[in-house]
Protein backbone atom coordinates (compact mmCIF):
# COMPACT_ATOMS: atom_id res chain seq x y z
CA MET A 1 1.81 -12.80 1.38
CA GLU A 2 1.51 -13.16 -2.19
CA ILE A 3 0.13 -10.49 -4.81
CA THR A 4 -0.65 -10.95 -8.13
CA GLY A 5 -3.11 -9.42 -11.00
CA GLU A 6 -5.52 -12.68 -10.25
CA ALA A 7 -5.41 -13.02 -6.19
CA ILE A 8 -3.84 -12.22 -3.31
CA ARG A 9 -2.92 -15.07 -1.08
CA LEU A 10 -2.20 -14.83 2.49
CA ASP A 11 -1.70 -17.94 4.70
CA ASN A 12 -4.23 -20.25 3.63
CA GLN A 13 -6.39 -17.62 2.42
CA ILE A 14 -7.05 -16.75 -1.35
CA PHE A 15 -8.74 -13.56 -2.44
CA PRO A 16 -9.35 -13.18 -6.13
CA THR A 17 -8.97 -9.67 -7.14
CA LYS A 18 -12.20 -9.89 -9.57
CA ASN A 19 -14.09 -9.93 -6.29
CA ILE A 20 -12.24 -7.14 -4.73
CA SER A 21 -13.61 -3.70 -5.39
CA SER A 22 -11.30 -1.74 -3.55
CA ALA A 23 -8.61 -1.62 -0.88
CA ARG A 24 -8.04 1.07 1.69
CA MET A 25 -6.01 1.73 4.56
CA VAL A 26 -7.48 1.92 8.32
CA GLU A 27 -6.34 2.63 11.56
CA LYS A 28 -6.91 1.94 15.14
CA ASP A 29 -5.33 3.30 18.59
CA ILE A 30 -3.35 0.54 20.54
CA LYS A 31 -1.07 0.47 23.55
CA VAL A 32 2.51 -0.97 22.99
CA PRO A 33 4.92 -1.98 25.80
CA GLU A 34 8.21 -0.47 26.34
CA SER A 35 10.81 -2.50 24.46
CA ASP A 36 13.19 -5.45 26.61
CA LYS A 37 16.18 -3.16 26.25
CA ASP A 38 14.47 -0.15 27.63
CA TYR A 39 12.63 -1.93 30.31
CA THR A 40 15.97 -3.83 31.31
CA LYS A 41 17.88 -0.62 31.00
CA ARG A 42 15.29 1.21 33.47
CA MET A 43 15.32 -1.66 36.00
CA VAL A 44 18.99 -1.77 36.35
CA ARG A 45 19.17 1.87 37.09
CA ASN A 46 16.05 1.67 39.45
CA LEU A 47 17.79 -1.22 41.27
CA ALA A 48 21.09 0.90 41.49
CA ILE A 49 19.26 3.64 42.83
CA GLY A 50 17.22 1.65 45.34
CA VAL A 51 20.10 -0.06 46.57
CA ILE A 52 21.99 3.33 47.19
CA LEU A 53 19.05 4.58 48.95
CA MET A 54 18.81 1.67 51.12
CA LEU A 55 22.41 1.97 52.34
CA VAL A 56 21.95 5.39 52.97
CA GLY A 57 19.07 4.51 54.99
CA ILE A 58 20.61 1.82 56.93
CA ALA A 59 23.50 4.02 57.32
CA ASN A 60 21.97 6.63 59.27
CA LYS A 61 19.43 4.31 61.04
CA ASP A 62 21.66 4.38 64.24
CA HIS A 63 22.14 8.20 64.09
CA GLU A 64 19.59 9.94 66.16
CA ASP A 65 19.98 13.07 64.28
CA ASN A 66 19.64 11.26 60.99
CA GLN A 67 16.32 9.43 61.83
CA ALA A 68 14.25 11.39 59.05
CA ILE A 69 16.95 10.80 56.54
CA SER A 70 17.08 6.97 57.28
CA LEU A 71 13.52 6.81 56.98
CA VAL A 72 13.12 8.55 53.80
CA GLY A 73 16.25 6.56 52.37
CA LEU A 74 14.51 3.18 53.51
CA ILE A 75 11.19 3.84 52.12
CA CYS A 76 12.44 5.10 48.79
CA GLY A 77 14.77 2.48 48.47
CA ALA A 78 12.38 -0.21 48.79
CA TYR A 79 10.07 1.73 46.59
CA PHE A 80 12.44 1.73 43.75
CA ILE A 81 13.62 -2.14 43.98
CA PHE A 82 10.10 -3.43 44.86
CA PHE A 83 7.15 -1.02 43.07
CA THR A 84 8.96 -0.13 39.71
CA TRP A 85 9.28 -3.24 38.05
CA LYS A 86 6.05 -2.84 36.06
CA ARG A 87 6.28 -2.37 32.31
CA LYS A 88 5.60 0.78 30.89
CA PHE A 89 2.93 0.96 28.00
CA PHE A 90 2.62 4.17 25.40
CA ASP A 91 -0.30 5.12 22.92
CA ALA A 92 0.38 4.25 19.12
CA LYS A 93 -1.38 3.65 16.01
CA GLN A 94 -1.64 0.52 14.14
CA TYR A 95 -2.48 0.25 10.43
CA GLY A 96 -4.06 -2.11 7.99
CA ILE A 97 -5.20 -2.94 4.92
CA GLU A 98 -8.79 -3.38 4.26
CA LEU A 99 -10.63 -5.01 1.18
CA LEU A 100 -13.87 -4.22 0.13
CA SER A 101 -16.02 -6.72 -1.65
CA ASN A 102 -19.69 -7.75 -2.54
CA SER A 103 -19.65 -10.21 0.44
CA GLY A 104 -18.30 -7.44 2.93
CA THR A 105 -15.07 -6.09 4.32
CA MET A 106 -12.08 -7.75 5.76
CA THR A 107 -8.81 -6.76 6.98
CA LEU A 108 -5.49 -8.42 6.01
CA PHE A 109 -3.10 -8.00 8.62
CA TRP A 110 -2.08 -5.17 10.90
CA SER A 111 1.59 -3.03 11.26
CA ARG A 112 2.66 -0.20 13.27
CA ASP A 113 5.03 0.49 10.11
CA LEU A 114 2.89 3.37 8.03
CA GLU A 115 5.53 3.73 5.43
CA PHE A 116 5.55 -0.17 4.64
CA MET A 117 1.55 -0.39 4.80
CA THR A 118 1.29 2.19 2.04
CA GLN A 119 3.60 0.62 0.03
CA VAL A 120 1.34 -2.74 0.42
CA ARG A 121 -1.45 -0.97 -0.44
CA ASP A 122 -0.17 0.55 -3.29
CA VAL A 123 1.03 -2.70 -4.56
CA ILE A 124 -2.68 -4.08 -3.98
CA PHE A 125 -4.33 -1.11 -5.59
CA LYS A 126 -1.82 -2.08 -8.67
CA ALA A 127 -3.08 -5.48 -8.81
CA LEU A 128 -6.98 -4.54 -8.64
CA THR A 129 -6.41 -2.01 -11.77
CA THR A 130 -4.42 -4.11 -14.08
CA SER A 131 -5.34 -7.13 -16.01
CA SER A 132 -1.57 -7.98 -16.58
CA THR A 133 -0.68 -11.75 -15.78
CA THR A 134 2.96 -10.69 -15.36
CA LEU A 135 2.21 -8.69 -11.92
CA HIS A 136 3.73 -10.59 -9.30
CA TYR A 137 4.72 -9.28 -5.69
CA ASN A 138 5.87 -11.02 -2.51
CA VAL A 139 5.64 -9.45 0.76
CA ASN A 140 7.41 -10.53 3.98
CA ILE A 141 4.97 -8.98 6.60
CA ASP A 142 7.64 -9.87 9.39
CA ASN A 143 10.64 -8.36 7.45
CA LYS A 144 8.86 -5.47 6.06
CA LYS A 145 10.12 -6.11 2.60
CA ILE A 146 8.36 -6.26 -0.69
CA PHE A 147 9.92 -8.38 -3.70
CA ASP A 148 8.74 -7.14 -7.10
CA ASN A 149 8.68 -10.26 -9.03
CA SER A 150 6.96 -8.97 -12.15
CA LEU A 151 10.15 -8.33 -14.14
CA ASN A 152 11.49 -11.82 -13.87
CA ILE A 153 8.17 -13.36 -14.88
CA THR A 154 8.44 -10.91 -17.91
CA GLU A 155 12.03 -11.80 -19.08
CA LYS A 156 10.87 -15.54 -19.18
CA SER A 157 8.40 -14.83 -21.67
CA THR A 158 9.47 -15.54 -25.50
CA THR A 159 8.33 -11.48 -26.21
CA ASN A 160 8.11 -9.15 -24.17
CA ILE A 161 4.77 -7.30 -25.03
CA TYR A 162 3.38 -4.27 -22.95
CA ASP A 163 0.25 -4.64 -21.56
CA TYR A 164 -1.94 -1.63 -22.40
CA SER A 165 -5.09 -2.65 -20.94
CA ILE A 166 -6.62 -1.51 -17.44
CA ARG A 167 -8.93 -3.02 -15.23
CA PHE A 168 -11.92 -0.87 -14.04
CA THR A 169 -14.27 -1.78 -11.10
CA LYS A 170 -17.31 -0.58 -9.94
CA ASN A 171 -17.75 2.94 -9.39
CA GLU A 172 -20.55 5.28 -8.42
CA GLY A 173 -20.16 7.64 -10.99
CA ILE A 174 -20.72 5.25 -13.96
CA SER A 175 -23.25 3.02 -14.95
CA ASP A 176 -22.90 -0.93 -15.74
CA GLU A 177 -23.11 -0.56 -19.18
CA GLN A 178 -20.35 2.06 -19.32
CA LEU A 179 -18.20 -0.37 -16.90
CA GLN A 180 -18.83 -3.11 -19.29
CA PHE A 181 -17.63 -0.91 -22.31
CA LEU A 182 -14.54 0.37 -20.35
CA ASN A 183 -13.50 -3.09 -19.51
CA GLY A 184 -14.35 -4.45 -23.02
CA GLU A 185 -14.64 -2.50 -26.19
CA PHE A 186 -12.29 0.64 -24.52
CA ASN A 187 -9.64 -2.10 -23.51
CA ASN A 188 -9.70 -3.90 -26.58
CA THR A 189 -9.30 -0.71 -28.84
CA LEU A 190 -6.14 0.27 -26.48
CA ARG A 191 -4.61 -3.13 -26.76
CA GLU A 192 -5.04 -3.29 -30.88
CA LEU A 193 -3.69 0.20 -30.91
CA GLY A 194 -0.55 -0.39 -28.61
CA LYS A 195 0.17 -3.83 -30.85
CA ALA A 196 -0.06 -1.79 -34.08
CA ALA A 197 2.33 1.12 -32.55
CA GLU A 198 4.68 -1.76 -31.66
CA ALA A 199 4.30 -3.56 -34.87
CA SER A 200 5.15 -0.30 -37.20
CA ARG A 201 7.79 1.04 -34.28
CA ASN A 202 5.67 4.39 -33.74
CA THR A 203 7.82 5.11 -30.69
CA ASP A 204 6.09 8.15 -30.31
CA LEU A 205 2.72 6.56 -30.05
CA GLU A 206 3.64 3.69 -28.23
CA GLY A 207 5.22 6.36 -25.75
CA GLU A 208 2.21 8.60 -25.44
CA LEU A 209 -0.23 5.44 -25.15
CA LYS A 210 1.89 4.21 -22.29
CA ASN A 211 1.94 7.20 -20.58
CA LEU A 212 -1.69 7.60 -21.04
CA VAL A 213 -2.16 4.02 -19.52
CA GLN A 214 0.03 4.53 -16.49
CA ILE A 215 -1.67 7.77 -15.81
CA LEU A 216 -5.10 5.64 -15.94
CA ARG A 217 -3.51 3.13 -13.64
CA SER A 218 -3.01 5.33 -10.96
CA ASN A 219 -4.46 6.10 -7.37
CA ASN A 220 -7.30 9.04 -8.36
CA PRO A 221 -5.32 10.66 -11.18
CA GLU A 222 -5.95 14.13 -12.03
CA LYS A 223 -8.32 15.01 -14.72
CA THR A 224 -6.03 17.58 -16.30
CA LYS A 225 -3.15 15.03 -16.65
CA ILE A 226 -5.77 12.47 -18.54
CA ARG A 227 -6.87 15.30 -20.71
CA ASN A 228 -3.34 16.51 -21.58
CA ALA A 229 -2.27 12.72 -21.82
CA TRP A 230 -5.04 11.95 -24.25
CA ALA A 231 -4.72 14.82 -26.22
CA LYS A 232 -0.93 13.83 -27.29
CA VAL A 233 -2.28 10.28 -28.01
CA LYS A 234 -4.98 11.63 -30.16
CA GLY A 235 -2.48 14.13 -32.13
CA VAL A 236 -0.11 11.29 -32.80
CA CYS A 237 -2.94 9.26 -34.33
CA GLU A 238 -4.34 11.80 -36.54
CA VAL A 239 -1.25 12.05 -38.27
CA TRP A 240 -0.10 8.43 -38.19
CA GLU A 241 -0.96 6.39 -41.15
CA THR A 242 -1.90 3.26 -39.61
CA GLY A 243 -4.07 1.74 -42.44
CA GLU A 244 -6.92 1.34 -40.25
CA ASP A 245 -10.22 3.32 -39.43
CA VAL A 246 -8.22 6.21 -37.27
CA GLN A 247 -11.34 8.23 -36.57
CA LYS A 248 -13.29 4.78 -35.03
CA ILE A 249 -10.15 4.28 -32.86
CA ILE A 250 -10.22 7.90 -31.80
CA SER A 251 -14.13 7.93 -30.82
CA THR A 252 -13.77 4.73 -28.99
CA LEU A 253 -10.74 6.04 -27.19
CA GLY A 254 -12.39 9.38 -26.46
CA ALA A 255 -15.82 8.03 -25.39
CA GLY A 256 -13.57 5.97 -22.79
CA ILE A 257 -11.76 8.92 -21.78
CA ALA A 258 -14.79 11.12 -21.24
CA THR A 259 -16.42 8.18 -19.15
CA ILE A 260 -13.36 7.93 -17.32
CA ILE A 261 -13.39 11.25 -16.20
CA THR A 262 -16.92 11.43 -14.92
CA MET A 263 -15.49 8.56 -12.13
CA PHE A 264 -13.23 11.43 -10.86
CA SER A 265 -15.41 14.24 -10.82
């Protein structure tokens, strides 16, 4: 499976990220057969027990005083040899990644490995919440391995430019106009401020802005962390001679931050 900021590709299916509103973990109860190794070990053990019991029964069948022992040995031996071959099944959980879109829901694939599925879900969420063109992951479902190729793509670029923008999806807490503002003017201001900080080598602003972006990209970030990160960005902006309209930048970003906080109320 291939995951990028543009699409999720699995087998012959392609799911554009712009059509996906969210991704979540789902689970179901299943019956799991015992492993071939455990099954073989149990059958060898049962066969040995059965043969021994049958031999005990045969050895005692001609002794009148041991008729009961012979009968029990033959019956139990036959049981272990002929009636314990059935493979055992155990209750287990299976986990899937479900994509939600306007056209409905669909589950990508299932696995019993919760840790692996959690990692896949987080990668998919990252793809849904960033507009970066360098994000690129390959997921080996059979071997349960995730390969991050994003760095390789970035290294091939002539310049290493950090993507300060954030991709916002429809949320019940905001209107369509607010969503358009976040993905438009708010994102544009983030990118322009980031470029200005990098061009002037203002490492303080660059670091605080990246921290804010990372918090906003995380899954359900805490409002306190958002406010604290924004306060630091705002403080650096207010003492920085950018040659730009600082108050306009602060006003635009502040309005966006206030809107984002309502999404997690």
